[in-house]
Amino acid sequence: MTPKAFSQFLSEISSYSLHVLNPSIPASDYVPLDLSNTNTALQNIDVSSSEALDVFINNHITSHKARVAFGGYLEMRHMYRRSTHFNNFKPVNERNIHLGVDLWIAAETPVYTPLDGEVHSFKNNTMFGDYGPTIILKHEIKGISFYTLYGHLSLASIQNIKVGQRFKRGEHIATLGDASVNGDYPPHLHFQVIRDIQDYIGDYPGVCSKKDLDYYQDNCPNPELILKIKSSTIS
């Protein structure tokens, strides 16, 4: 299946929004958030500080009378420069392009699976700037297998989970962690779709370099194809 066909397949799984947060949160309570390096509103914000970024994000949510800020797919972000996990100081190899959708909301917020699936793997990715606790689910629909990744979770989320454990669509699978466990970020869910997980266990790149973008964009299509948040907020 070509990348284009796979994206089309994802978009046709459901004609309506599939939720990774509480479905009782109305579409009107979601607000887009731009954390790209071209957003002039970030010029005076220390994006290397989780505290400063948390204030910026919460002010954005409050000013729009929302509950969840979302976005970030293929955004080029300066915030990753703070960590050697992404930056080896060679510009051509700098990983700063975000491959998932972020949903910014309070720690301990429940996370749900948007589709039936089973636990492929999980791990606490403890490097500074990494995911922290992470769960990867495997899905099979109409004979096609793919994966979804849930990053920046609470430690409790991976304490009683097992590889092969099955979840039904809409089932509670985790809660969000805070900055002390989630890689030092304001609380949020990193949600990513992965076509080919390769040999990764409990982890997969959520940020890539410009030189690797073509591959990762094909292997990690826009999660909005499943979530359909933007179309819900517009309608």
Protein backbone atom coordinates (compact mmCIF):
# COMPACT_ATOMS: atom_id res chain seq x y z
CA MET A 1 0.00 0.00 0.00
CA THR A 2 1.38 3.39 -0.96
CA PRO A 3 1.65 6.18 1.64
CA LYS A 4 -1.15 8.04 -0.15
CA ALA A 5 -3.39 4.97 -0.08
CA PHE A 6 -2.62 4.41 3.60
CA SER A 7 -3.59 7.99 4.43
CA GLN A 8 -6.82 7.51 2.50
CA PHE A 9 -7.46 4.28 4.43
CA LEU A 10 -7.00 6.10 7.75
CA SER A 11 -9.34 8.91 6.75
CA GLU A 12 -12.05 6.39 5.85
CA ILE A 13 -11.95 4.45 9.13
CA SER A 14 -14.56 6.80 10.52
CA SER A 15 -16.52 9.73 9.14
CA TYR A 16 -16.58 11.37 12.57
CA SER A 17 -14.02 12.33 15.19
CA LEU A 18 -12.37 9.49 17.13
CA HIS A 19 -11.29 10.56 20.60
CA VAL A 20 -8.11 10.12 22.63
CA LEU A 21 -9.45 12.42 25.36
CA ASN A 22 -12.83 12.38 27.07
CA PRO A 23 -15.48 12.42 24.31
CA SER A 24 -17.68 14.61 26.51
CA ILE A 25 -15.31 17.53 25.83
CA PRO A 26 -17.08 19.36 23.00
CA ALA A 27 -15.28 20.37 19.83
CA SER A 28 -15.80 24.00 20.80
CA ASP A 29 -13.46 23.47 23.78
CA TYR A 30 -10.49 22.64 21.52
CA VAL A 31 -8.29 25.48 20.27
CA PRO A 32 -5.41 25.21 17.76
CA LEU A 33 -1.95 26.00 19.12
CA ASP A 34 1.07 26.98 17.04
CA LEU A 35 4.43 26.17 18.67
CA SER A 36 6.45 26.50 15.47
CA ASN A 37 9.55 28.64 15.23
CA THR A 38 7.64 31.05 12.96
CA ASN A 39 5.10 31.98 15.65
CA THR A 40 6.08 35.52 16.69
CA ALA A 41 4.09 35.15 19.93
CA LEU A 42 6.85 32.81 21.13
CA GLN A 43 9.69 35.27 20.53
CA ASN A 44 9.75 36.44 24.14
CA ILE A 45 9.00 33.02 25.65
CA ASP A 46 11.80 30.80 26.94
CA VAL A 47 10.65 27.63 25.21
CA SER A 48 13.45 25.69 26.92
CA SER A 49 11.60 26.19 30.23
CA SER A 50 8.65 23.88 30.85
CA GLU A 51 7.31 26.40 33.37
CA ALA A 52 7.39 29.32 30.92
CA LEU A 53 5.87 27.19 28.17
CA ASP A 54 3.16 25.99 30.54
CA VAL A 55 2.17 29.58 31.33
CA PHE A 56 2.08 30.44 27.61
CA ILE A 57 -0.08 27.43 26.75
CA ASN A 58 -2.49 27.89 29.65
CA ASN A 59 -2.89 31.58 28.82
CA HIS A 60 -3.66 30.60 25.23
CA ILE A 61 -6.28 28.08 26.37
CA THR A 62 -7.84 30.51 28.85
CA SER A 63 -7.94 33.44 26.42
CA HIS A 64 -9.88 31.28 23.97
CA LYS A 65 -12.20 29.95 26.69
CA ALA A 66 -11.12 26.43 25.78
CA ARG A 67 -10.05 23.29 27.65
CA VAL A 68 -7.63 21.66 25.21
CA ALA A 69 -4.98 23.13 22.92
CA PHE A 70 -3.99 20.93 20.01
CA GLY A 71 -1.82 20.76 16.91
CA GLY A 72 1.79 20.38 15.96
CA TYR A 73 1.96 17.90 13.08
CA LEU A 74 5.09 18.67 11.01
CA GLU A 75 5.76 21.85 12.98
CA MET A 76 9.42 22.90 13.07
CA ARG A 77 10.08 23.80 16.71
CA HIS A 78 12.95 25.51 18.52
CA MET A 79 12.03 23.91 21.87
CA TYR A 80 13.95 20.73 21.06
CA ARG A 81 17.27 22.57 20.99
CA ARG A 82 17.40 22.33 24.78
CA SER A 83 18.06 18.58 24.68
CA THR A 84 20.91 16.56 23.19
CA HIS A 85 18.27 13.88 22.59
CA PHE A 86 17.31 15.88 19.49
CA ASN A 87 20.30 18.10 18.79
CA ASN A 88 23.80 16.84 18.02
CA PHE A 89 24.88 20.38 17.04
CA LYS A 90 25.04 19.54 13.32
CA PRO A 91 22.25 21.55 11.64
CA VAL A 92 21.65 18.96 8.93
CA ASN A 93 20.95 16.30 11.59
CA GLU A 94 19.00 18.46 14.04
CA ARG A 95 15.69 16.80 14.86
CA ASN A 96 13.12 19.56 15.18
CA ILE A 97 10.11 18.56 13.03
CA HIS A 98 7.23 17.17 15.09
CA LEU A 99 5.61 13.96 13.80
CA GLY A 100 2.50 13.71 15.97
CA VAL A 101 -0.37 15.78 17.27
CA ASP A 102 -0.08 17.24 20.76
CA LEU A 103 -3.11 17.72 22.98
CA TRP A 104 -2.33 20.08 25.86
CA ILE A 105 -4.46 19.58 28.98
CA ALA A 106 -3.90 19.02 32.70
CA ALA A 107 -1.86 16.17 34.20
CA GLU A 108 -3.89 13.11 35.26
CA THR A 109 -6.32 13.66 32.39
CA PRO A 110 -7.53 10.24 31.18
CA VAL A 111 -6.41 8.97 27.76
CA TYR A 112 -8.54 6.67 25.60
CA THR A 113 -7.84 4.53 22.58
CA PRO A 114 -9.65 5.76 19.45
CA LEU A 115 -9.67 2.25 17.95
CA ASP A 116 -9.70 -1.38 19.02
CA GLY A 117 -6.14 -2.53 19.59
CA GLU A 118 -3.65 -4.43 21.67
CA VAL A 119 -0.53 -3.38 23.53
CA HIS A 120 2.49 -3.74 21.28
CA SER A 121 4.96 -2.37 23.84
CA PHE A 122 5.51 0.22 26.55
CA LYS A 123 8.49 1.88 28.22
CA ASN A 124 9.57 4.79 30.37
CA ASN A 125 11.79 6.86 28.06
CA THR A 126 13.65 8.82 30.71
CA MET A 127 16.09 10.97 28.76
CA PHE A 128 15.59 14.73 29.23
CA GLY A 129 13.18 15.94 26.57
CA ASP A 130 11.99 12.42 25.71
CA TYR A 131 8.48 10.94 26.07
CA GLY A 132 8.65 9.67 29.62
CA PRO A 133 6.12 6.83 30.03
CA THR A 134 4.93 5.65 26.61
CA ILE A 135 2.43 3.10 25.29
CA ILE A 136 2.25 1.78 21.73
CA LEU A 137 -0.88 -0.01 20.51
CA LYS A 138 -1.18 -2.24 17.46
CA HIS A 139 -4.34 -2.06 15.37
CA GLU A 140 -5.60 -4.28 12.58
CA ILE A 141 -8.49 -3.11 10.41
CA LYS A 142 -9.53 -4.86 7.20
CA GLY A 143 -6.28 -6.83 7.26
CA ILE A 144 -4.12 -3.71 7.53
CA SER A 145 -1.88 -3.35 10.58
CA PHE A 146 -0.57 -0.08 11.99
CA TYR A 147 0.34 1.45 15.34
CA THR A 148 -0.53 4.40 17.56
CA LEU A 149 1.84 5.91 20.11
CA TYR A 150 0.83 7.68 23.32
CA GLY A 151 3.64 9.68 24.93
CA HIS A 152 4.16 11.82 28.06
CA LEU A 153 1.98 9.61 30.26
CA SER A 154 1.99 9.10 34.03
CA LEU A 155 4.14 6.42 35.62
CA ALA A 156 0.98 4.68 36.82
CA SER A 157 -0.04 4.21 33.19
CA ILE A 158 2.67 1.62 32.58
CA GLN A 159 2.68 -0.15 35.94
CA ASN A 160 -0.16 -2.62 35.38
CA ILE A 161 -0.21 -2.97 31.62
CA LYS A 162 0.85 -6.07 29.67
CA VAL A 163 2.05 -6.71 26.14
CA GLY A 164 -0.83 -8.24 24.19
CA GLN A 165 -3.46 -6.70 26.44
CA ARG A 166 -6.50 -5.76 24.37
CA PHE A 167 -8.48 -2.55 24.50
CA LYS A 168 -11.77 -1.65 22.86
CA ARG A 169 -12.32 1.68 21.14
CA GLY A 170 -13.10 4.34 23.72
CA GLU A 171 -11.53 2.38 26.58
CA HIS A 172 -9.40 4.20 29.16
CA ILE A 173 -5.75 3.22 28.68
CA ALA A 174 -3.67 5.81 30.56
CA THR A 175 -3.44 9.20 32.24
CA LEU A 176 -1.19 12.14 31.45
CA GLY A 177 1.99 12.78 33.41
CA ASP A 178 3.41 16.05 34.68
CA ALA A 179 6.79 17.63 33.96
CA SER A 180 8.51 15.57 36.67
CA VAL A 181 8.01 12.35 34.68
CA ASN A 182 7.07 13.27 31.10
CA GLY A 183 10.42 14.47 29.80
CA ASP A 184 10.03 17.94 31.35
CA TYR A 185 7.15 19.34 29.31
CA PRO A 186 3.86 20.97 30.26
CA PRO A 187 1.28 18.18 30.56
CA HIS A 188 0.07 16.93 27.20
CA LEU A 189 -0.50 13.83 25.09
CA HIS A 190 1.73 13.17 22.10
CA PHE A 191 -0.38 11.05 19.75
CA GLN A 192 1.27 9.57 16.67
CA VAL A 193 0.29 7.14 13.93
CA ILE A 194 3.01 4.76 12.74
CA ARG A 195 2.71 2.56 9.69
CA ASP A 196 5.85 0.43 10.17
CA ILE A 197 7.17 0.24 13.74
CA GLN A 198 10.31 -1.66 12.64
CA ASP A 199 12.19 -3.00 15.67
CA TYR A 200 11.22 -0.25 18.10
CA ILE A 201 9.90 -1.28 21.51
CA GLY A 202 8.07 1.26 23.67
CA ASP A 203 9.55 4.08 21.64
CA TYR A 204 9.59 5.58 18.16
CA PRO A 205 10.95 8.91 16.89
CA GLY A 206 8.41 11.66 17.46
CA VAL A 207 10.64 14.33 15.96
CA CYS A 208 12.78 14.12 12.83
CA SER A 209 15.35 16.11 10.91
CA LYS A 210 14.64 17.90 7.66
CA LYS A 211 16.80 15.44 5.73
CA ASP A 212 14.71 12.49 7.00
CA LEU A 213 11.32 14.18 6.64
CA ASP A 214 10.23 12.43 3.45
CA TYR A 215 10.56 9.00 5.05
CA TYR A 216 8.92 9.90 8.35
CA GLN A 217 6.10 11.85 6.76
CA ASP A 218 5.21 8.73 4.76
CA ASN A 219 5.56 6.39 7.74
CA CYS A 220 3.79 8.71 10.22
CA PRO A 221 0.80 10.31 8.48
CA ASN A 222 -1.19 13.10 10.07
CA PRO A 223 -3.10 11.82 13.14
CA GLU A 224 -5.84 14.26 12.18
CA LEU A 225 -6.89 11.65 9.62
CA ILE A 226 -8.21 9.70 12.62
CA LEU A 227 -8.91 12.40 15.18
CA LYS A 228 -10.65 14.87 12.84
CA ILE A 229 -10.42 17.60 15.49
CA LYS A 230 -10.04 20.45 13.03
CA SER A 231 -13.07 19.44 11.00
CA SER A 232 -15.09 19.12 14.21
CA THR A 233 -14.08 22.56 15.49
CA ILE A 234 -14.88 24.15 12.14
CA SER A 235 -18.29 22.52 11.70
